[in-house]
Amino acid sequence: MIRIRVSEDALEDLTDGFWFYESQESGLGEYFSACLRADIEGLKVTGGIHRRNYRDYHRLLSRVFPYAIYYTIDGDEVVVWAVTDCRRNPEWIRERLGP
């Protein structure tokens, strides 16, 4: 079974997304968090099938929100490195993922 590890940076991205959507409408931040957690949990089954979008990072697009989950595979572990808003400048996303 595949294990999932979420980096500190990705947790920060999720928190930022929560507060962004919560500021739009009360309760929307919780819905955002629940949807993204479900997408990340789904990587236990689908980890590794997503296209490599940038270097060694696979990209899973969220089913509900315009967010992408960038992850790598390390043995039997999926490591989530970033959860980014797809509306951001692609150059910003590349810089966020680093060299």
C-alpha atoms as a PDB file:
ATOM      1  CA  MET A   1       0.000   0.000   0.000  1.00  0.00           C
ATOM      2  CA  ILE A   2       1.232   3.463  -0.848  1.00  0.00           C
ATOM      3  CA  ARG A   3       1.826   5.881   2.025  1.00  0.00           C
ATOM      4  CA  ILE A   4       1.340   9.629   1.692  1.00  0.00           C
ATOM      5  CA  ARG A   5       3.588  12.289   3.186  1.00  0.00           C
ATOM      6  CA  VAL A   6       2.678  15.963   2.874  1.00  0.00           C
ATOM      7  CA  SER A   7       5.535  18.458   3.113  1.00  0.00           C
ATOM      8  CA  GLU A   8       5.402  21.515   5.362  1.00  0.00           C
ATOM      9  CA  ASP A   9       5.257  23.733   2.262  1.00  0.00           C
ATOM     10  CA  ALA A  10       2.237  21.840   0.927  1.00  0.00           C
ATOM     11  CA  LEU A  11       0.499  22.110   4.316  1.00  0.00           C
ATOM     12  CA  GLU A  12       1.107  25.855   4.190  1.00  0.00           C
ATOM     13  CA  ASP A  13      -0.372  25.961   0.671  1.00  0.00           C
ATOM     14  CA  LEU A  14      -3.485  24.168   1.946  1.00  0.00           C
ATOM     15  CA  THR A  15      -3.820  26.612   4.838  1.00  0.00           C
ATOM     16  CA  ASP A  16      -3.464  29.588   2.477  1.00  0.00           C
ATOM     17  CA  GLY A  17      -6.131  28.118   0.192  1.00  0.00           C
ATOM     18  CA  PHE A  18      -8.435  27.522   3.160  1.00  0.00           C
ATOM     19  CA  TRP A  19      -8.198  31.150   4.267  1.00  0.00           C
ATOM     20  CA  PHE A  20      -8.622  32.470   0.729  1.00  0.00           C
ATOM     21  CA  TYR A  21     -11.865  30.555   0.211  1.00  0.00           C
ATOM     22  CA  GLU A  22     -13.073  31.171   3.761  1.00  0.00           C
ATOM     23  CA  SER A  23     -12.733  34.919   3.122  1.00  0.00           C
ATOM     24  CA  GLN A  24     -14.950  34.516   0.047  1.00  0.00           C
ATOM     25  CA  GLU A  25     -17.761  32.798   1.944  1.00  0.00           C
ATOM     26  CA  SER A  26     -18.087  31.279   5.395  1.00  0.00           C
ATOM     27  CA  GLY A  27     -17.752  27.492   5.210  1.00  0.00           C
ATOM     28  CA  LEU A  28     -16.197  27.480   1.746  1.00  0.00           C
ATOM     29  CA  GLY A  29     -12.720  27.103   3.238  1.00  0.00           C
ATOM     30  CA  GLU A  30     -13.784  23.905   4.995  1.00  0.00           C
ATOM     31  CA  TYR A  31     -15.238  22.575   1.735  1.00  0.00           C
ATOM     32  CA  PHE A  32     -11.956  23.432  -0.013  1.00  0.00           C
ATOM     33  CA  SER A  33      -9.965  21.566   2.649  1.00  0.00           C
ATOM     34  CA  ALA A  34     -12.227  18.507   2.488  1.00  0.00           C
ATOM     35  CA  CYS A  35     -12.013  18.335  -1.326  1.00  0.00           C
ATOM     36  CA  LEU A  36      -8.230  18.707  -1.430  1.00  0.00           C
ATOM     37  CA  ARG A  37      -7.744  16.170   1.387  1.00  0.00           C
ATOM     38  CA  ALA A  38      -9.884  13.698  -0.590  1.00  0.00           C
ATOM     39  CA  ASP A  39      -7.810  14.342  -3.723  1.00  0.00           C
ATOM     40  CA  ILE A  40      -4.588  13.750  -1.771  1.00  0.00           C
ATOM     41  CA  GLU A  41      -5.964  10.597  -0.112  1.00  0.00           C
ATOM     42  CA  GLY A  42      -6.838   9.306  -3.594  1.00  0.00           C
ATOM     43  CA  LEU A  43      -3.114   9.205  -4.320  1.00  0.00           C
ATOM     44  CA  LYS A  44      -2.981   6.011  -2.232  1.00  0.00           C
ATOM     45  CA  VAL A  45      -4.627   4.344  -5.223  1.00  0.00           C
ATOM     46  CA  THR A  46      -3.660   6.558  -8.157  1.00  0.00           C
ATOM     47  CA  GLY A  47      -0.188   7.771  -7.147  1.00  0.00           C
ATOM     48  CA  GLY A  48       2.161   7.670 -10.109  1.00  0.00           C
ATOM     49  CA  ILE A  49      -0.404   7.543 -12.905  1.00  0.00           C
ATOM     50  CA  HIS A  50      -0.489  11.306 -13.431  1.00  0.00           C
ATOM     51  CA  ARG A  51       1.578  12.981 -16.086  1.00  0.00           C
ATOM     52  CA  ARG A  52       4.913  14.425 -15.086  1.00  0.00           C
ATOM     53  CA  ASN A  53       4.308  18.086 -15.651  1.00  0.00           C
ATOM     54  CA  TYR A  54       7.573  19.582 -14.476  1.00  0.00           C
ATOM     55  CA  ARG A  55      10.834  17.699 -13.903  1.00  0.00           C
ATOM     56  CA  ASP A  56      10.083  14.692 -11.666  1.00  0.00           C
ATOM     57  CA  TYR A  57       6.844  16.169 -10.302  1.00  0.00           C
ATOM     58  CA  HIS A  58       3.585  14.459 -11.139  1.00  0.00           C
ATOM     59  CA  ARG A  59       0.575  16.772 -11.271  1.00  0.00           C
ATOM     60  CA  LEU A  60      -2.880  15.843 -10.031  1.00  0.00           C
ATOM     61  CA  LEU A  61      -5.602  18.363 -10.838  1.00  0.00           C
ATOM     62  CA  SER A  62      -8.228  18.792  -8.146  1.00  0.00           C
ATOM     63  CA  ARG A  63     -11.678  17.645  -9.154  1.00  0.00           C
ATOM     64  CA  VAL A  64     -13.501  20.649  -7.678  1.00  0.00           C
ATOM     65  CA  PHE A  65     -11.159  23.611  -7.244  1.00  0.00           C
ATOM     66  CA  PRO A  66      -8.658  25.088  -9.736  1.00  0.00           C
ATOM     67  CA  TYR A  67      -5.703  23.644  -7.817  1.00  0.00           C
ATOM     68  CA  ALA A  68      -2.891  21.290  -8.745  1.00  0.00           C
ATOM     69  CA  ILE A  69      -1.181  18.869  -6.390  1.00  0.00           C
ATOM     70  CA  TYR A  70       2.476  18.324  -7.242  1.00  0.00           C
ATOM     71  CA  TYR A  71       4.036  15.152  -5.923  1.00  0.00           C
ATOM     72  CA  THR A  72       6.858  12.687  -6.397  1.00  0.00           C
ATOM     73  CA  ILE A  73       7.107   8.950  -5.845  1.00  0.00           C
ATOM     74  CA  ASP A  74       9.789   7.625  -3.492  1.00  0.00           C
ATOM     75  CA  GLY A  75       9.516   3.830  -3.307  1.00  0.00           C
ATOM     76  CA  ASP A  76       6.122   3.059  -1.782  1.00  0.00           C
ATOM     77  CA  GLU A  77       5.597   6.656  -0.630  1.00  0.00           C
ATOM     78  CA  VAL A  78       3.938   9.590  -2.363  1.00  0.00           C
ATOM     79  CA  VAL A  79       5.436  12.903  -1.265  1.00  0.00           C
ATOM     80  CA  VAL A  80       3.222  15.959  -1.831  1.00  0.00           C
ATOM     81  CA  TRP A  81       5.458  19.000  -2.323  1.00  0.00           C
ATOM     82  CA  ALA A  82       3.049  21.749  -3.359  1.00  0.00           C
ATOM     83  CA  VAL A  83      -0.640  22.516  -3.744  1.00  0.00           C
ATOM     84  CA  THR A  84      -0.893  25.479  -6.094  1.00  0.00           C
ATOM     85  CA  ASP A  85      -3.633  27.579  -7.597  1.00  0.00           C
ATOM     86  CA  CYS A  86      -3.652  26.861 -11.345  1.00  0.00           C
ATOM     87  CA  ARG A  87      -4.542  30.490 -12.019  1.00  0.00           C
ATOM     88  CA  ARG A  88      -1.046  31.542 -10.933  1.00  0.00           C
ATOM     89  CA  ASN A  89       1.591  32.453 -13.475  1.00  0.00           C
ATOM     90  CA  PRO A  90       3.260  29.193 -14.638  1.00  0.00           C
ATOM     91  CA  GLU A  91       6.665  30.762 -13.996  1.00  0.00           C
ATOM     92  CA  TRP A  92       5.668  31.360 -10.349  1.00  0.00           C
ATOM     93  CA  ILE A  93       4.668  27.698 -10.048  1.00  0.00           C
ATOM     94  CA  ARG A  94       8.026  26.550 -11.469  1.00  0.00           C
ATOM     95  CA  GLU A  95       9.865  28.803  -9.030  1.00  0.00           C
ATOM     96  CA  ARG A  96       7.699  27.471  -6.199  1.00  0.00           C
ATOM     97  CA  LEU A  97       8.714  23.906  -7.075  1.00  0.00           C
ATOM     98  CA  GLY A  98      12.366  24.907  -7.168  1.00  0.00           C
ATOM     99  CA  PRO A  99      15.293  23.530  -9.142  1.00  0.00           C
END
